[in-house]
Amino acid sequence: MLELDLHKPRIQKALEMNADIGISTFMVGANTLDEIVKPTVVNNLYAILSGPIPPNPSDLVLSEKLKELMDYAKANFDFVLIDTPPVGMLADAAYLMQYSDINLMVLNTKFANKQVLNLFHKLVQDNSIKTCI
């Protein structure tokens, strides 16, 4: 599981894990990929947490190091789950879709409206994105 919502990471809290190192520290060269992979309490589930929230989260997602992270994850794990910021709020999620085989859109019914759904639908159609809604 990759916690690529570097703006408001939540996976670490849900898994009750410490994100003192992670994707942000790897992206700036402070840690290696092997150092940031952490086992979770769930059998056979590993997480690469966000790490400390950087001052420039979107810049890190757009960096060349992201491809290295994705290649490593795909080479070393059977399945890779990517947690992203909400679609429409930031460009990060749309950019990260290029690395996925299928995308699952989870909606918060308290905030999702027709405009959000139309945005997602247009994004899917314009980019031929595989989805599971």
N, C-alpha and C. Protein backbone atom coordinates (compact mmCIF):
# COMPACT_ATOMS: atom_id res chain seq x y z
N MET A 1 0.85 -1.17 0.00
CA MET A 1 0.00 0.00 0.00
C MET A 1 0.90 1.23 0.00
N LEU A 2 0.65 2.12 -0.95
CA LEU A 2 1.41 3.36 -1.05
C LEU A 2 0.54 4.52 -0.59
N GLU A 3 1.00 5.21 0.42
CA GLU A 3 0.27 6.37 0.94
C GLU A 3 0.75 7.61 0.18
N LEU A 4 0.19 7.82 -1.01
CA LEU A 4 0.63 8.93 -1.85
C LEU A 4 -0.23 10.18 -1.71
N ASP A 5 -1.06 10.23 -0.70
CA ASP A 5 -1.69 11.51 -0.36
C ASP A 5 -0.71 12.20 0.58
N LEU A 6 0.21 12.94 -0.01
CA LEU A 6 1.25 13.60 0.79
C LEU A 6 0.75 14.90 1.41
N HIS A 7 -0.48 15.30 1.08
CA HIS A 7 -1.07 16.51 1.63
C HIS A 7 -1.73 16.24 2.99
N LYS A 8 -2.57 15.21 3.03
CA LYS A 8 -3.28 14.83 4.26
C LYS A 8 -3.25 13.31 4.40
N PRO A 9 -2.12 12.75 4.74
CA PRO A 9 -2.03 11.29 4.85
C PRO A 9 -2.91 10.76 5.98
N ARG A 10 -3.60 9.64 5.69
CA ARG A 10 -4.49 9.07 6.70
C ARG A 10 -4.27 7.58 6.91
N ILE A 11 -3.59 6.93 6.00
CA ILE A 11 -3.35 5.49 6.11
C ILE A 11 -2.56 5.19 7.39
N GLN A 12 -1.54 5.98 7.65
CA GLN A 12 -0.70 5.75 8.84
C GLN A 12 -1.52 5.75 10.12
N LYS A 13 -2.49 6.64 10.21
CA LYS A 13 -3.33 6.69 11.41
C LYS A 13 -4.24 5.46 11.48
N ALA A 14 -4.83 5.10 10.34
CA ALA A 14 -5.73 3.94 10.31
C ALA A 14 -4.98 2.66 10.69
N LEU A 15 -3.72 2.55 10.27
CA LEU A 15 -2.93 1.35 10.59
C LEU A 15 -2.14 1.49 11.89
N GLU A 16 -2.31 2.65 12.56
CA GLU A 16 -1.62 2.93 13.82
C GLU A 16 -0.11 2.74 13.66
N MET A 17 0.44 3.39 12.63
CA MET A 17 1.87 3.28 12.33
C MET A 17 2.52 4.66 12.39
N ASN A 18 3.81 4.67 12.61
CA ASN A 18 4.60 5.90 12.66
C ASN A 18 5.17 6.18 11.28
N ALA A 19 4.93 7.37 10.77
CA ALA A 19 5.40 7.73 9.44
C ALA A 19 6.60 8.69 9.52
N ASP A 20 7.54 8.35 10.39
CA ASP A 20 8.73 9.21 10.53
C ASP A 20 9.59 9.20 9.28
N ILE A 21 9.54 8.11 8.53
CA ILE A 21 10.19 8.03 7.22
C ILE A 21 9.17 7.49 6.24
N GLY A 22 9.40 7.71 4.97
CA GLY A 22 8.45 7.21 3.98
C GLY A 22 8.71 7.81 2.61
N ILE A 23 7.64 7.97 1.86
CA ILE A 23 7.75 8.43 0.49
C ILE A 23 8.44 9.79 0.41
N SER A 24 8.08 10.71 1.27
CA SER A 24 8.69 12.04 1.21
C SER A 24 10.19 11.99 1.49
N THR A 25 10.61 11.16 2.42
CA THR A 25 12.05 11.09 2.72
C THR A 25 12.81 10.34 1.63
N PHE A 26 12.14 9.37 0.98
CA PHE A 26 12.76 8.71 -0.17
C PHE A 26 12.92 9.68 -1.33
N MET A 27 11.87 10.45 -1.61
CA MET A 27 11.88 11.37 -2.75
C MET A 27 12.98 12.43 -2.65
N VAL A 28 13.33 12.81 -1.43
CA VAL A 28 14.39 13.82 -1.26
C VAL A 28 15.76 13.18 -1.05
N GLY A 29 15.82 11.84 -1.11
CA GLY A 29 17.10 11.14 -1.02
C GLY A 29 17.59 10.82 0.37
N ALA A 30 16.75 10.98 1.38
CA ALA A 30 17.16 10.72 2.76
C ALA A 30 17.07 9.24 3.13
N ASN A 31 16.24 8.47 2.43
CA ASN A 31 16.08 7.04 2.71
C ASN A 31 16.00 6.25 1.42
N THR A 32 16.34 4.96 1.52
CA THR A 32 16.22 4.06 0.37
C THR A 32 14.83 3.43 0.38
N LEU A 33 14.48 2.81 -0.72
CA LEU A 33 13.18 2.12 -0.79
C LEU A 33 13.10 0.99 0.23
N ASP A 34 14.16 0.22 0.38
CA ASP A 34 14.14 -0.87 1.34
C ASP A 34 13.92 -0.37 2.76
N GLU A 35 14.39 0.83 3.07
CA GLU A 35 14.24 1.38 4.42
C GLU A 35 12.81 1.85 4.71
N ILE A 36 12.05 2.21 3.69
CA ILE A 36 10.73 2.79 3.96
C ILE A 36 9.58 1.80 3.88
N VAL A 37 9.85 0.58 3.44
CA VAL A 37 8.81 -0.45 3.41
C VAL A 37 8.60 -0.97 4.82
N LYS A 38 7.36 -0.94 5.29
CA LYS A 38 7.06 -1.37 6.66
C LYS A 38 5.96 -2.43 6.66
N PRO A 39 6.15 -3.49 7.44
CA PRO A 39 5.06 -4.47 7.59
C PRO A 39 3.94 -3.85 8.42
N THR A 40 2.73 -4.30 8.18
CA THR A 40 1.58 -3.81 8.96
C THR A 40 1.08 -4.94 9.85
N VAL A 41 0.05 -4.65 10.63
CA VAL A 41 -0.53 -5.68 11.49
C VAL A 41 -1.33 -6.69 10.69
N VAL A 42 -1.63 -6.37 9.43
CA VAL A 42 -2.35 -7.27 8.55
C VAL A 42 -1.34 -8.21 7.89
N ASN A 43 -1.58 -9.50 8.01
CA ASN A 43 -0.66 -10.49 7.45
C ASN A 43 -0.43 -10.26 5.95
N ASN A 44 0.83 -10.22 5.54
CA ASN A 44 1.23 -10.03 4.14
C ASN A 44 0.85 -8.68 3.54
N LEU A 45 0.59 -7.70 4.36
CA LEU A 45 0.33 -6.34 3.87
C LEU A 45 1.47 -5.44 4.33
N TYR A 46 2.10 -4.82 3.35
CA TYR A 46 3.20 -3.90 3.64
C TYR A 46 2.77 -2.51 3.22
N ALA A 47 3.29 -1.51 3.91
CA ALA A 47 2.94 -0.13 3.60
C ALA A 47 4.20 0.69 3.38
N ILE A 48 4.10 1.58 2.42
CA ILE A 48 5.09 2.63 2.27
C ILE A 48 4.31 3.90 2.57
N LEU A 49 4.53 4.41 3.77
CA LEU A 49 3.76 5.55 4.25
C LEU A 49 4.28 6.84 3.65
N SER A 50 3.54 7.90 3.85
CA SER A 50 3.88 9.20 3.25
C SER A 50 5.20 9.75 3.77
N GLY A 51 5.50 9.48 5.04
CA GLY A 51 6.63 10.16 5.67
C GLY A 51 6.16 11.52 6.15
N PRO A 52 7.07 12.35 6.62
CA PRO A 52 6.67 13.70 7.07
C PRO A 52 6.06 14.49 5.91
N ILE A 53 5.05 15.30 6.22
CA ILE A 53 4.40 16.10 5.18
C ILE A 53 5.39 17.14 4.68
N PRO A 54 5.69 17.10 3.38
CA PRO A 54 6.67 18.04 2.82
C PRO A 54 6.03 19.40 2.52
N PRO A 55 6.85 20.43 2.34
CA PRO A 55 6.31 21.74 1.99
C PRO A 55 5.77 21.79 0.57
N ASN A 56 6.17 20.83 -0.27
CA ASN A 56 5.80 20.82 -1.68
C ASN A 56 5.30 19.45 -2.13
N PRO A 57 4.19 18.95 -1.56
CA PRO A 57 3.75 17.58 -1.83
C PRO A 57 3.55 17.27 -3.31
N SER A 58 2.90 18.14 -4.05
CA SER A 58 2.63 17.85 -5.46
C SER A 58 3.92 17.80 -6.28
N ASP A 59 4.89 18.63 -5.93
CA ASP A 59 6.18 18.60 -6.63
C ASP A 59 6.86 17.25 -6.46
N LEU A 60 6.75 16.66 -5.27
CA LEU A 60 7.37 15.36 -5.03
C LEU A 60 6.67 14.28 -5.86
N VAL A 61 5.36 14.35 -5.95
CA VAL A 61 4.61 13.36 -6.73
C VAL A 61 5.01 13.44 -8.21
N LEU A 62 5.32 14.62 -8.68
CA LEU A 62 5.69 14.81 -10.09
C LEU A 62 7.18 14.56 -10.36
N SER A 63 7.94 14.22 -9.33
CA SER A 63 9.39 14.05 -9.51
C SER A 63 9.73 12.75 -10.23
N GLU A 64 10.94 12.68 -10.73
CA GLU A 64 11.45 11.48 -11.42
C GLU A 64 11.52 10.28 -10.49
N LYS A 65 11.67 10.51 -9.21
CA LYS A 65 11.79 9.42 -8.24
C LYS A 65 10.50 8.61 -8.11
N LEU A 66 9.38 9.19 -8.53
CA LEU A 66 8.10 8.47 -8.43
C LEU A 66 8.13 7.22 -9.30
N LYS A 67 8.67 7.30 -10.49
CA LYS A 67 8.75 6.13 -11.37
C LYS A 67 9.58 5.04 -10.71
N GLU A 68 10.66 5.41 -10.06
CA GLU A 68 11.49 4.43 -9.35
C GLU A 68 10.67 3.75 -8.24
N LEU A 69 9.90 4.52 -7.51
CA LEU A 69 9.04 3.98 -6.45
C LEU A 69 8.02 3.01 -7.03
N MET A 70 7.37 3.40 -8.11
CA MET A 70 6.35 2.55 -8.73
C MET A 70 6.96 1.27 -9.29
N ASP A 71 8.09 1.38 -9.96
CA ASP A 71 8.76 0.20 -10.51
C ASP A 71 9.14 -0.77 -9.39
N TYR A 72 9.64 -0.23 -8.28
CA TYR A 72 10.01 -1.06 -7.13
C TYR A 72 8.78 -1.78 -6.57
N ALA A 73 7.70 -1.05 -6.39
CA ALA A 73 6.48 -1.63 -5.83
C ALA A 73 5.94 -2.74 -6.72
N LYS A 74 5.89 -2.50 -8.02
CA LYS A 74 5.37 -3.51 -8.94
C LYS A 74 6.27 -4.73 -9.04
N ALA A 75 7.57 -4.54 -8.87
CA ALA A 75 8.52 -5.65 -8.96
C ALA A 75 8.56 -6.50 -7.69
N ASN A 76 8.21 -5.90 -6.55
CA ASN A 76 8.38 -6.59 -5.28
C ASN A 76 7.09 -7.05 -4.60
N PHE A 77 5.93 -6.66 -5.14
CA PHE A 77 4.66 -7.01 -4.50
C PHE A 77 3.67 -7.50 -5.55
N ASP A 78 2.78 -8.38 -5.13
CA ASP A 78 1.77 -8.94 -6.04
C ASP A 78 0.73 -7.90 -6.45
N PHE A 79 0.32 -7.07 -5.51
CA PHE A 79 -0.67 -6.04 -5.75
C PHE A 79 -0.18 -4.75 -5.12
N VAL A 80 -0.46 -3.64 -5.77
CA VAL A 80 -0.06 -2.33 -5.24
C VAL A 80 -1.31 -1.46 -5.15
N LEU A 81 -1.64 -1.03 -3.95
CA LEU A 81 -2.76 -0.11 -3.72
C LEU A 81 -2.18 1.28 -3.53
N ILE A 82 -2.75 2.25 -4.22
CA ILE A 82 -2.25 3.62 -4.14
C ILE A 82 -3.34 4.50 -3.55
N ASP A 83 -3.07 5.09 -2.40
CA ASP A 83 -3.99 6.05 -1.80
C ASP A 83 -3.57 7.44 -2.29
N THR A 84 -4.52 8.19 -2.85
CA THR A 84 -4.22 9.50 -3.40
C THR A 84 -5.11 10.57 -2.77
N PRO A 85 -4.77 11.83 -3.00
CA PRO A 85 -5.69 12.88 -2.58
C PRO A 85 -6.97 12.79 -3.41
N PRO A 86 -8.02 13.46 -3.00
CA PRO A 86 -9.27 13.42 -3.75
C PRO A 86 -9.11 13.93 -5.18
N VAL A 87 -9.78 13.28 -6.12
CA VAL A 87 -9.80 13.75 -7.51
C VAL A 87 -10.53 15.08 -7.53
N GLY A 88 -10.01 16.03 -8.26
CA GLY A 88 -10.66 17.33 -8.38
C GLY A 88 -10.08 18.36 -7.44
N MET A 89 -9.60 17.94 -6.29
CA MET A 89 -9.00 18.87 -5.35
C MET A 89 -7.58 19.24 -5.78
N LEU A 90 -6.85 18.23 -6.23
CA LEU A 90 -5.46 18.40 -6.65
C LEU A 90 -5.23 17.56 -7.89
N ALA A 91 -4.19 17.87 -8.62
CA ALA A 91 -3.87 17.11 -9.84
C ALA A 91 -3.19 15.78 -9.53
N ASP A 92 -2.75 15.57 -8.30
CA ASP A 92 -1.99 14.38 -7.94
C ASP A 92 -2.69 13.08 -8.33
N ALA A 93 -3.95 12.95 -7.98
CA ALA A 93 -4.69 11.71 -8.24
C ALA A 93 -4.78 11.41 -9.73
N ALA A 94 -5.10 12.42 -10.51
CA ALA A 94 -5.21 12.23 -11.96
C ALA A 94 -3.85 11.83 -12.54
N TYR A 95 -2.79 12.43 -12.07
CA TYR A 95 -1.44 12.11 -12.55
C TYR A 95 -1.08 10.67 -12.18
N LEU A 96 -1.41 10.24 -10.99
CA LEU A 96 -1.04 8.91 -10.52
C LEU A 96 -1.81 7.79 -11.21
N MET A 97 -2.93 8.11 -11.84
CA MET A 97 -3.73 7.09 -12.52
C MET A 97 -2.96 6.39 -13.63
N GLN A 98 -1.96 7.03 -14.18
CA GLN A 98 -1.17 6.42 -15.25
C GLN A 98 -0.41 5.18 -14.77
N TYR A 99 -0.20 5.06 -13.49
CA TYR A 99 0.54 3.94 -12.93
C TYR A 99 -0.35 2.77 -12.52
N SER A 100 -1.65 2.94 -12.62
CA SER A 100 -2.54 1.89 -12.12
C SER A 100 -3.14 1.07 -13.25
N ASP A 101 -3.49 -0.16 -12.91
CA ASP A 101 -4.18 -1.04 -13.85
C ASP A 101 -5.68 -0.80 -13.81
N ILE A 102 -6.17 -0.38 -12.63
CA ILE A 102 -7.60 -0.06 -12.47
C ILE A 102 -7.71 0.95 -11.34
N ASN A 103 -8.72 1.78 -11.43
CA ASN A 103 -8.91 2.84 -10.43
C ASN A 103 -10.25 2.66 -9.75
N LEU A 104 -10.26 2.81 -8.46
CA LEU A 104 -11.46 2.70 -7.66
C LEU A 104 -11.76 4.08 -7.10
N MET A 105 -12.92 4.59 -7.42
CA MET A 105 -13.32 5.91 -6.95
C MET A 105 -14.20 5.73 -5.72
N VAL A 106 -13.79 6.28 -4.62
CA VAL A 106 -14.57 6.23 -3.38
C VAL A 106 -15.13 7.62 -3.14
N LEU A 107 -16.43 7.71 -2.99
CA LEU A 107 -17.08 9.00 -2.82
C LEU A 107 -17.54 9.21 -1.39
N ASN A 108 -17.32 10.40 -0.90
CA ASN A 108 -17.88 10.81 0.38
C ASN A 108 -19.21 11.48 0.06
N THR A 109 -20.28 10.84 0.39
CA THR A 109 -21.61 11.35 0.02
C THR A 109 -21.95 12.68 0.69
N LYS A 110 -21.21 13.06 1.71
CA LYS A 110 -21.46 14.35 2.34
C LYS A 110 -20.91 15.50 1.48
N PHE A 111 -19.90 15.20 0.65
CA PHE A 111 -19.25 16.26 -0.12
C PHE A 111 -19.39 16.09 -1.63
N ALA A 112 -19.57 14.86 -2.09
CA ALA A 112 -19.66 14.63 -3.54
C ALA A 112 -20.97 15.19 -4.07
N ASN A 113 -20.86 15.88 -5.19
CA ASN A 113 -22.05 16.38 -5.85
C ASN A 113 -21.96 16.05 -7.33
N LYS A 114 -22.95 16.48 -8.08
CA LYS A 114 -22.99 16.15 -9.50
C LYS A 114 -21.77 16.72 -10.23
N GLN A 115 -21.29 17.87 -9.82
CA GLN A 115 -20.12 18.49 -10.45
C GLN A 115 -18.89 17.60 -10.29
N VAL A 116 -18.70 17.02 -9.12
CA VAL A 116 -17.57 16.12 -8.87
C VAL A 116 -17.69 14.88 -9.73
N LEU A 117 -18.89 14.32 -9.81
CA LEU A 117 -19.11 13.13 -10.64
C LEU A 117 -18.86 13.43 -12.12
N ASN A 118 -19.30 14.58 -12.58
CA ASN A 118 -19.07 14.96 -13.97
C ASN A 118 -17.58 15.15 -14.26
N LEU A 119 -16.86 15.74 -13.31
CA LEU A 119 -15.42 15.91 -13.45
C LEU A 119 -14.73 14.56 -13.58
N PHE A 120 -15.08 13.64 -12.71
CA PHE A 120 -14.48 12.31 -12.75
C PHE A 120 -14.83 11.60 -14.06
N HIS A 121 -16.08 11.68 -14.47
CA HIS A 121 -16.52 11.04 -15.71
C HIS A 121 -15.74 11.60 -16.91
N LYS A 122 -15.55 12.90 -16.96
CA LYS A 122 -14.79 13.53 -18.05
C LYS A 122 -13.34 13.08 -18.01
N LEU A 123 -12.76 13.02 -16.84
CA LEU A 123 -11.38 12.56 -16.69
C LEU A 123 -11.21 11.14 -17.22
N VAL A 124 -12.14 10.29 -16.89
CA VAL A 124 -12.11 8.89 -17.34
C VAL A 124 -12.25 8.82 -18.85
N GLN A 125 -13.21 9.53 -19.40
CA GLN A 125 -13.44 9.48 -20.85
C GLN A 125 -12.27 10.08 -21.64
N ASP A 126 -11.79 11.23 -21.21
CA ASP A 126 -10.72 11.92 -21.94
C ASP A 126 -9.40 11.16 -21.93
N ASN A 127 -9.20 10.34 -20.90
CA ASN A 127 -7.92 9.67 -20.75
C ASN A 127 -8.00 8.15 -20.88
N SER A 128 -9.15 7.63 -21.26
CA SER A 128 -9.36 6.18 -21.41
C SER A 128 -8.89 5.42 -20.16
N ILE A 129 -9.31 5.90 -19.01
CA ILE A 129 -8.89 5.30 -17.74
C ILE A 129 -9.81 4.14 -17.38
N LYS A 130 -9.20 3.03 -16.97
CA LYS A 130 -9.96 1.88 -16.50
C LYS A 130 -10.44 2.17 -15.08
N THR A 131 -11.71 1.95 -14.83
CA THR A 131 -12.25 2.26 -13.51
C THR A 131 -13.14 1.17 -12.97
N CYS A 132 -13.33 1.23 -11.68
CA CYS A 132 -14.29 0.40 -10.96
C CYS A 132 -15.01 1.37 -10.03
N ILE A 133 -16.24 1.70 -10.32
CA ILE A 133 -16.96 2.68 -9.53
C ILE A 133 -17.98 1.97 -8.65
